[in-house]
Amino acid sequence: MTLETFAIASGVVAVLALSTQKPAPTQLLHVRNSFGFAVNAPPSVVAPLFGAHRERAWAEGWDPQFLYPQPPEDKAGVVFTVKRGQHTSTWITSVFEPEEGHIQHVYFIPDAMVTLIDIRLVPSGASGTRVEVTYERTALSLELNDHVQEQGGSDSRSASHWQAAIEDCLKKEGKLH
């Protein structure tokens, strides 16, 4: 094989290798996933459990560090941090209207992701509650698009875990019908 033939063959192999690689993403990924579940307790009992402070009662490992207010209280405008592994996220409760069945949190992990969690509760049956949760996640760097996609998939499979944890909490408190 001549040097010229080798160079041409090598170039063809390089072009074929490049064409079989997954193309690099060109825009930041945004995913939206929802799930729902029912709880056998009225909205007035269930809704407060979605405030950062009261969530400690049912979400294992949930330990928000309140920056505002002090002492901790669930209300709109609450600011807190959550440490998971090497990352610390900063959260704000943007909507806290348990009497209206609406709670919303937004959190930010620097250089990684922004997440909005919107929770809606409506009466169901004589004394139950239907809970609808929507997660919207946006990557803050192209390298994290796959992670955001994985998180979105995980979000959509959370219904049974949340339902069981909340019902267990309400059972312990004697508030489950």
Protein backbone atom coordinates (compact mmCIF):
# COMPACT_ATOMS: atom_id res chain seq x y z
CA MET A 1 0.00 0.00 0.00
CA THR A 2 1.42 3.36 -0.95
CA LEU A 3 1.51 6.24 1.48
CA GLU A 4 -1.06 8.06 -0.65
CA THR A 5 -3.45 5.06 -0.62
CA PHE A 6 -2.99 4.69 3.16
CA ALA A 7 -3.78 8.37 3.74
CA ILE A 8 -6.94 8.15 1.65
CA ALA A 9 -8.04 4.93 3.38
CA SER A 10 -7.34 6.44 6.81
CA GLY A 11 -9.38 9.51 5.90
CA VAL A 12 -12.31 7.33 4.83
CA VAL A 13 -12.14 5.38 8.11
CA ALA A 14 -12.00 8.65 10.08
CA VAL A 15 -15.03 10.04 8.22
CA LEU A 16 -16.95 6.78 8.80
CA ALA A 17 -16.07 6.86 12.52
CA LEU A 18 -17.25 10.45 12.84
CA SER A 19 -20.51 9.74 11.05
CA THR A 20 -21.40 6.91 13.45
CA GLN A 21 -20.87 8.98 16.60
CA LYS A 22 -23.85 10.50 18.38
CA PRO A 23 -24.08 14.15 17.31
CA ALA A 24 -23.21 16.66 20.00
CA PRO A 25 -26.24 18.44 21.44
CA THR A 26 -26.59 22.02 20.30
CA GLN A 27 -29.16 23.31 22.76
CA LEU A 28 -29.92 22.95 26.43
CA LEU A 29 -32.48 20.29 27.25
CA HIS A 30 -35.80 21.13 28.92
CA VAL A 31 -38.03 18.27 30.06
CA ARG A 32 -41.51 18.26 31.57
CA ASN A 33 -42.88 15.21 33.36
CA SER A 34 -45.97 14.72 35.48
CA PHE A 35 -47.44 12.10 37.75
CA GLY A 36 -50.53 11.82 39.93
CA PHE A 37 -51.83 9.80 42.82
CA ALA A 38 -54.67 9.70 45.33
CA VAL A 39 -54.49 9.99 49.11
CA ASN A 40 -57.35 8.99 51.39
CA ALA A 41 -57.37 12.25 53.37
CA PRO A 42 -58.83 15.69 52.61
CA PRO A 43 -56.78 18.38 50.84
CA SER A 44 -56.67 20.46 54.04
CA VAL A 45 -54.63 17.65 55.64
CA VAL A 46 -52.52 16.66 52.61
CA ALA A 47 -51.58 20.07 51.13
CA PRO A 48 -49.45 21.34 54.05
CA LEU A 49 -47.22 18.26 53.69
CA PHE A 50 -45.79 19.77 50.50
CA GLY A 51 -44.22 22.72 52.29
CA ALA A 52 -40.46 22.30 52.77
CA HIS A 53 -40.69 22.22 56.57
CA ARG A 54 -43.62 19.74 56.81
CA GLU A 55 -42.18 17.53 54.05
CA ARG A 56 -39.65 16.33 56.61
CA ALA A 57 -42.48 14.24 58.09
CA TRP A 58 -42.72 11.97 55.03
CA ALA A 59 -39.68 12.40 52.74
CA GLU A 60 -36.84 10.24 54.00
CA GLY A 61 -33.54 12.12 54.07
CA TRP A 62 -35.21 15.47 53.37
CA ASP A 63 -33.37 18.05 55.47
CA PRO A 64 -33.78 21.58 54.12
CA GLN A 65 -31.64 24.26 55.74
CA PHE A 66 -33.78 27.36 56.05
CA LEU A 67 -32.20 30.69 55.23
CA TYR A 68 -35.51 32.54 55.47
CA PRO A 69 -37.61 32.64 57.58
CA GLN A 70 -36.18 31.85 60.97
CA PRO A 71 -37.58 29.87 62.65
CA PRO A 72 -38.58 27.70 59.66
CA GLU A 73 -42.14 28.15 58.45
CA ASP A 74 -43.93 27.03 55.29
CA LYS A 75 -45.10 30.02 53.29
CA ALA A 76 -44.50 31.70 49.93
CA GLY A 77 -41.06 33.24 49.67
CA VAL A 78 -39.28 30.65 51.82
CA VAL A 79 -35.60 30.24 50.86
CA PHE A 80 -33.64 27.13 51.82
CA THR A 81 -30.80 24.93 50.67
CA VAL A 82 -30.58 21.17 50.24
CA LYS A 83 -27.31 19.27 50.11
CA ARG A 84 -27.20 16.00 48.17
CA GLY A 85 -23.82 14.45 47.54
CA GLN A 86 -21.44 17.13 46.32
CA HIS A 87 -24.17 19.51 45.20
CA THR A 88 -26.04 22.15 47.15
CA SER A 89 -29.25 23.42 45.58
CA THR A 90 -30.92 26.70 46.49
CA TRP A 91 -34.71 26.54 46.68
CA ILE A 92 -37.52 29.06 46.89
CA THR A 93 -41.15 28.28 47.58
CA SER A 94 -42.71 30.43 44.87
CA VAL A 95 -46.34 29.53 45.67
CA PHE A 96 -47.68 28.27 48.97
CA GLU A 97 -51.47 28.27 48.89
CA PRO A 98 -52.50 25.02 50.61
CA GLU A 99 -56.09 26.24 51.02
CA GLU A 100 -56.23 26.66 47.22
CA GLY A 101 -54.46 23.34 46.62
CA HIS A 102 -51.36 24.85 45.00
CA ILE A 103 -47.73 24.62 46.07
CA GLN A 104 -44.75 25.39 43.86
CA HIS A 105 -41.01 25.22 44.44
CA VAL A 106 -38.13 26.27 42.21
CA TYR A 107 -34.57 25.17 42.78
CA PHE A 108 -31.23 25.93 41.19
CA ILE A 109 -27.99 23.96 41.12
CA PRO A 110 -25.24 26.30 39.85
CA ASP A 111 -23.86 25.33 36.43
CA ALA A 112 -26.13 22.28 36.36
CA MET A 113 -29.92 22.61 36.33
CA VAL A 114 -32.99 24.64 37.25
CA THR A 115 -36.10 22.75 38.35
CA LEU A 116 -39.69 23.88 38.86
CA ILE A 117 -42.00 21.59 40.86
CA ASP A 118 -45.70 22.43 40.61
CA ILE A 119 -48.10 20.59 42.92
CA ARG A 120 -51.89 20.75 42.53
CA LEU A 121 -54.39 19.14 44.89
CA VAL A 122 -58.12 18.67 44.36
CA PRO A 123 -60.79 16.95 46.44
CA SER A 124 -61.54 13.39 45.37
CA GLY A 125 -64.56 11.49 46.59
CA ALA A 126 -65.99 12.06 50.04
CA SER A 127 -62.72 12.65 51.89
CA GLY A 128 -59.83 12.05 49.52
CA THR A 129 -57.33 14.14 47.58
CA ARG A 130 -56.00 13.83 44.05
CA VAL A 131 -52.40 15.09 43.82
CA GLU A 132 -50.87 16.12 40.48
CA VAL A 133 -47.15 16.88 40.39
CA THR A 134 -45.30 18.39 37.43
CA TYR A 135 -41.54 18.69 37.21
CA GLU A 136 -39.87 20.96 34.66
CA ARG A 137 -36.11 20.65 34.44
CA THR A 138 -33.71 22.71 32.34
CA ALA A 139 -30.03 21.90 31.84
CA LEU A 140 -27.60 24.78 32.34
CA SER A 141 -24.83 23.16 30.31
CA LEU A 142 -24.87 20.87 27.28
CA GLU A 143 -22.89 18.25 29.19
CA LEU A 144 -25.81 17.82 31.61
CA ASN A 145 -28.53 17.19 29.01
CA ASP A 146 -28.35 13.41 29.61
CA HIS A 147 -28.59 13.90 33.38
CA VAL A 148 -31.66 16.13 32.98
CA GLN A 149 -33.23 13.48 30.71
CA GLU A 150 -32.57 10.77 33.34
CA GLN A 151 -33.98 12.93 36.13
CA GLY A 152 -37.10 13.57 34.09
CA GLY A 153 -37.63 9.85 33.61
CA SER A 154 -37.17 9.29 37.32
CA ASP A 155 -39.66 12.07 38.12
CA SER A 156 -42.42 10.44 36.09
CA ARG A 157 -42.03 7.20 38.07
CA SER A 158 -42.36 8.82 41.54
CA ALA A 159 -46.11 8.52 42.12
CA SER A 160 -46.20 5.26 44.08
CA HIS A 161 -43.24 6.26 46.27
CA TRP A 162 -44.75 9.64 47.16
CA GLN A 163 -48.19 8.13 47.78
CA ALA A 164 -46.87 5.41 50.09
CA ALA A 165 -44.66 7.82 52.06
CA ILE A 166 -47.47 10.36 52.53
CA GLU A 167 -50.02 7.70 53.53
CA ASP A 168 -47.54 6.20 56.00
CA CYS A 169 -46.98 9.65 57.53
CA LEU A 170 -50.72 10.32 57.81
CA LYS A 171 -51.28 6.89 59.33
CA LYS A 172 -48.69 7.64 62.02
CA GLU A 173 -50.38 11.01 62.68
CA GLY A 174 -53.83 9.35 62.82
CA LYS A 175 -55.09 11.46 59.89
CA LEU A 176 -55.58 8.83 57.19
CA HIS A 177 -59.22 7.86 56.55
